[in-house]
Protein backbone atom coordinates (compact mmCIF):
# COMPACT_ATOMS: atom_id res chain seq x y z
CA MET A 1 -16.65 -15.53 -5.69
CA ALA A 2 -13.79 -13.88 -3.80
CA GLU A 3 -14.55 -10.87 -1.63
CA ARG A 4 -13.21 -7.49 -2.67
CA ASN A 5 -12.16 -6.33 0.77
CA TRP A 6 -8.46 -5.62 0.18
CA ARG A 7 -7.04 -2.14 -0.36
CA LYS A 8 -3.87 -1.10 -2.19
CA TYR A 9 -2.21 2.03 -0.92
CA ASP A 10 0.76 4.36 -1.01
CA PHE A 11 1.93 5.99 2.20
CA LYS A 12 3.24 9.44 1.37
CA VAL A 13 5.15 12.11 3.23
CA GLY A 14 4.73 15.28 1.24
CA ASN A 15 4.87 14.18 -2.41
CA LYS A 16 7.23 11.26 -1.77
CA ILE A 17 5.98 7.68 -1.48
CA ARG A 18 7.61 6.10 1.59
CA HIS A 19 5.80 2.76 1.45
CA SER A 20 3.36 0.91 -0.79
CA GLY A 21 1.30 -1.95 0.51
CA ILE A 22 -1.95 -3.81 0.81
CA THR A 23 -4.30 -4.40 3.70
CA SER A 24 -7.65 -5.97 4.47
CA ARG A 25 -7.99 -3.73 7.52
CA ASP A 26 -9.28 -0.20 7.87
CA LEU A 27 -6.97 2.25 6.07
CA GLU A 28 -7.14 4.71 8.97
CA VAL A 29 -5.76 2.07 11.35
CA ARG A 30 -3.00 1.21 8.88
CA GLU A 31 -2.19 4.89 8.43
CA LYS A 32 -1.74 5.35 12.19
CA GLU A 33 0.66 2.40 12.25
CA HIS A 34 2.80 3.97 9.53
CA GLN A 35 2.65 7.36 11.24
CA GLN A 36 4.63 5.89 14.13
CA ARG A 37 7.60 5.86 11.75
CA TRP A 38 6.63 8.83 9.55
CA PRO A 39 4.47 11.16 11.71
CA ASN A 40 3.65 13.63 8.92
CA GLY A 41 2.57 11.01 6.38
CA HIS A 42 -0.78 9.92 5.03
CA ILE A 43 -2.27 7.06 3.04
CA VAL A 44 -3.54 7.44 -0.51
CA GLN A 45 -5.68 4.54 -1.69
CA VAL A 46 -4.70 3.18 -5.10
CA GLY A 47 -7.68 2.08 -7.17
CA ASN A 48 -10.75 0.34 -5.81
CA ALA A 49 -11.14 -2.44 -3.28
CA THR A 50 -10.03 -5.74 -4.76
CA THR A 51 -9.54 -9.43 -3.99
CA GLU A 52 -6.64 -10.64 -1.89
CA GLU A 53 -5.10 -12.40 -4.90
CA ALA A 54 -5.26 -9.28 -7.09
CA ALA A 55 -3.88 -7.12 -4.26
CA ARG A 56 -0.92 -9.47 -3.74
CA GLN A 57 -0.19 -9.49 -7.48
CA TRP A 58 -0.23 -5.67 -7.52
CA GLU A 59 2.11 -5.56 -4.54
CA GLU A 60 4.54 -8.00 -6.18
CA ARG A 61 4.59 -6.00 -9.43
CA LYS A 62 5.09 -2.77 -7.49
CA TRP A 63 8.07 -4.16 -5.58
CA LYS A 64 9.67 -5.44 -8.79
CA THR A 65 9.55 -1.95 -10.29
CA ILE A 66 11.03 -0.15 -7.25
CA THR A 67 13.60 -2.67 -6.00
CA PRO A 68 17.09 -1.71 -7.18
CA LYS A 69 18.54 -4.15 -9.70
CA PRO A 70 21.94 -5.71 -8.94
CA ARG A 71 24.78 -4.27 -11.01
């Protein structure tokens, strides 16, 4: 059985999502990394801890919905 040690998250500055991602590391550490680029931002966990496979599928779906479509 796969471990559920992956987290899905949105990194927000104010009410705007600046980045969405996944990590198997501590969210506080990941937040500090993002704060180097966006000092006033914070991480909001999306859902519960999940498997790596499920996290990667979520990330792929998320990118498909936010990536601009060619005209």
